[in-house]
């Protein structure tokens, strides 16, 4: 089932109401679903490979903690933050300042920032571990079967 953008995200605690959560596609809802957004976002950084390593390690540790608590929504949100670490670092790898389009709406010329590329690869490694985790996949299937 698609991610539902019509929910009252300002007032829903998805830890208390996991039945309202939908996985959606990719990173949908990553900056909306509380209390997970507030818990994870403070650790999400990718400016340098060292910062990306620390950040991705912490977020993956949170993923494992949510898994231990059988908190699927938390696991999925941590997975989304790891994915977003990869995609945003790739955007900054390819476009200075992370902006793909110029003021006229035209795509800027691509660049290659090796430092950001390394940050992206660090996040990719942890994202892959999370998205392929057998416990995560089992919980995801159960959540989707039960709630959509």
Protein backbone atom coordinates (compact mmCIF):
# COMPACT_ATOMS: atom_id res chain seq x y z
CA UNK A 1 0.00 0.00 0.00
CA UNK A 2 1.20 3.51 -0.82
CA UNK A 3 2.54 5.89 1.79
CA UNK A 4 -0.34 8.00 3.11
CA UNK A 5 0.60 11.70 3.07
CA UNK A 6 -2.86 12.68 4.34
CA UNK A 7 -2.26 11.57 7.92
CA UNK A 8 -1.88 14.11 10.73
CA UNK A 9 1.89 13.62 11.11
CA UNK A 10 2.19 16.42 13.66
CA UNK A 11 0.01 14.53 16.12
CA UNK A 12 0.59 10.82 15.48
CA UNK A 13 3.05 8.82 17.54
CA UNK A 14 3.84 5.92 15.21
CA UNK A 15 5.45 3.94 18.03
CA UNK A 16 2.04 3.87 19.72
CA UNK A 17 0.15 3.57 16.42
CA UNK A 18 2.22 1.33 14.10
CA UNK A 19 -0.96 0.28 12.30
CA UNK A 20 -1.06 3.73 10.65
CA UNK A 21 2.43 3.37 9.14
CA UNK A 22 2.87 2.38 5.51
CA UNK A 23 6.29 1.52 4.10
CA UNK A 24 5.72 3.28 0.79
CA UNK A 25 8.57 3.46 -1.70
CA UNK A 26 12.17 4.33 -1.04
CA UNK A 27 12.52 7.16 1.45
CA UNK A 28 8.87 8.24 1.60
CA UNK A 29 7.99 9.79 4.95
CA UNK A 30 11.54 9.74 6.28
CA UNK A 31 11.22 13.31 7.60
CA UNK A 32 7.64 12.95 8.81
CA UNK A 33 7.22 9.85 10.98
CA UNK A 34 7.65 10.58 14.69
CA UNK A 35 9.14 9.84 17.14
CA UNK A 36 11.61 8.11 14.82
CA UNK A 37 12.46 11.18 12.77
CA UNK A 38 13.58 13.06 15.89
CA UNK A 39 15.47 10.06 17.25
CA UNK A 40 17.41 9.32 14.07
CA UNK A 41 17.78 12.69 12.31
CA UNK A 42 20.10 14.10 14.98
CA UNK A 43 22.66 11.42 14.00
CA UNK A 44 22.32 11.73 10.20
CA UNK A 45 25.41 13.37 8.60
CA UNK A 46 27.51 12.72 5.50
CA UNK A 47 29.82 15.73 4.98
CA UNK A 48 33.05 13.69 5.14
CA UNK A 49 33.74 9.95 5.09
CA UNK A 50 34.66 10.05 8.78
CA UNK A 51 31.38 11.75 9.65
CA UNK A 52 29.45 9.38 7.35
CA UNK A 53 31.04 6.36 9.03
CA UNK A 54 30.13 7.58 12.51
CA UNK A 55 26.62 8.49 11.37
CA UNK A 56 25.88 5.29 9.46
CA UNK A 57 27.30 3.16 12.29
CA UNK A 58 25.03 4.93 14.80
CA UNK A 59 21.93 4.67 12.61
CA UNK A 60 22.61 1.01 11.88
CA UNK A 61 23.05 0.44 15.64
CA UNK A 62 19.63 2.07 16.10
CA UNK A 63 18.24 -0.24 13.39
CA UNK A 64 19.51 -3.24 15.36
CA UNK A 65 18.07 -1.83 18.59
CA UNK A 66 14.65 -1.36 16.98
CA UNK A 67 14.95 -4.92 15.63
CA UNK A 68 15.69 -6.27 19.11
CA UNK A 69 12.57 -4.47 20.37
CA UNK A 70 10.55 -5.86 17.44
CA UNK A 71 9.77 -2.29 16.38
CA UNK A 72 9.28 -2.59 12.63
CA UNK A 73 8.47 1.09 12.07
CA UNK A 74 11.74 2.06 13.77
CA UNK A 75 13.66 -0.48 11.69
CA UNK A 76 12.13 0.82 8.49
CA UNK A 77 12.79 4.43 9.39
CA UNK A 78 16.44 3.65 10.20
CA UNK A 79 16.66 1.85 6.84
CA UNK A 80 15.22 4.94 5.14
CA UNK A 81 17.76 7.24 6.82
CA UNK A 82 20.59 4.97 5.67
CA UNK A 83 19.16 5.04 2.16
CA UNK A 84 18.83 8.81 2.31
CA UNK A 85 22.45 9.08 3.48
CA UNK A 86 23.46 7.29 0.31
CA UNK A 87 21.19 9.23 -2.06
CA UNK A 88 22.03 12.66 -0.63
CA UNK A 89 25.77 11.98 -0.58
CA UNK A 90 25.50 10.86 -4.23
CA UNK A 91 23.66 14.08 -5.07
CA UNK A 92 26.50 16.09 -3.52
CA UNK A 93 29.03 13.89 -5.32
CA UNK A 94 27.48 14.80 -8.65
CA UNK A 95 26.44 18.43 -8.08
CA UNK A 96 28.31 21.04 -6.07
CA UNK A 97 26.12 22.23 -3.24
CA UNK A 98 23.74 19.32 -3.89
CA UNK A 99 21.69 21.32 -6.37
CA UNK A 100 21.00 19.46 -9.60
CA UNK A 101 19.26 22.34 -11.38
CA UNK A 102 20.40 25.90 -12.03
CA UNK A 103 18.24 29.00 -11.59
CA UNK A 104 16.73 28.43 -15.09
CA UNK A 105 15.68 24.87 -14.28
CA UNK A 106 18.38 23.34 -16.45
CA UNK A 107 20.42 20.39 -15.20
CA UNK A 108 23.87 21.50 -14.11
CA UNK A 109 27.02 19.82 -15.39
CA UNK A 110 27.92 16.80 -13.30
CA UNK A 111 31.06 16.76 -11.24
CA UNK A 112 32.73 14.05 -9.18
CA UNK A 113 33.53 14.80 -5.56
CA UNK A 114 35.53 11.76 -4.38
CA UNK A 115 35.00 12.60 -0.69
CA UNK A 116 31.21 12.62 -1.06
CA UNK A 117 31.40 9.47 -3.21
CA UNK A 118 33.18 7.72 -0.35
CA UNK A 119 30.52 8.98 2.09
CA UNK A 120 27.84 7.57 -0.22
CA UNK A 121 29.57 4.21 -0.36
CA UNK A 122 29.80 4.08 3.45
CA UNK A 123 26.04 4.65 3.73
CA UNK A 124 25.37 2.16 0.91
CA UNK A 125 27.12 -0.58 2.87
CA UNK A 126 24.93 -0.09 5.95
CA UNK A 127 21.76 0.46 3.87
CA UNK A 128 22.37 -2.86 2.15
CA UNK A 129 22.82 -4.64 5.50
CA UNK A 130 19.53 -3.19 6.76
CA UNK A 131 17.43 -3.78 3.65
CA UNK A 132 18.60 -7.39 3.30
CA UNK A 133 18.36 -8.28 7.00
CA UNK A 134 16.22 -11.43 7.30
CA UNK A 135 14.51 -10.21 10.47
CA UNK A 136 13.69 -6.88 8.83
CA UNK A 137 12.29 -8.59 5.73
CA UNK A 138 10.14 -10.91 7.88
CA UNK A 139 8.78 -7.98 9.92
CA UNK A 140 8.15 -5.95 6.77
CA UNK A 141 6.16 -8.76 5.21
CA UNK A 142 4.13 -9.25 8.42
CA UNK A 143 3.48 -5.50 8.78
CA UNK A 144 2.33 -5.18 5.18
CA UNK A 145 0.12 -8.27 5.45
CA UNK A 146 -1.48 -7.01 8.66
CA UNK A 147 -1.81 -3.29 7.87
CA UNK A 148 -1.33 -2.88 4.14
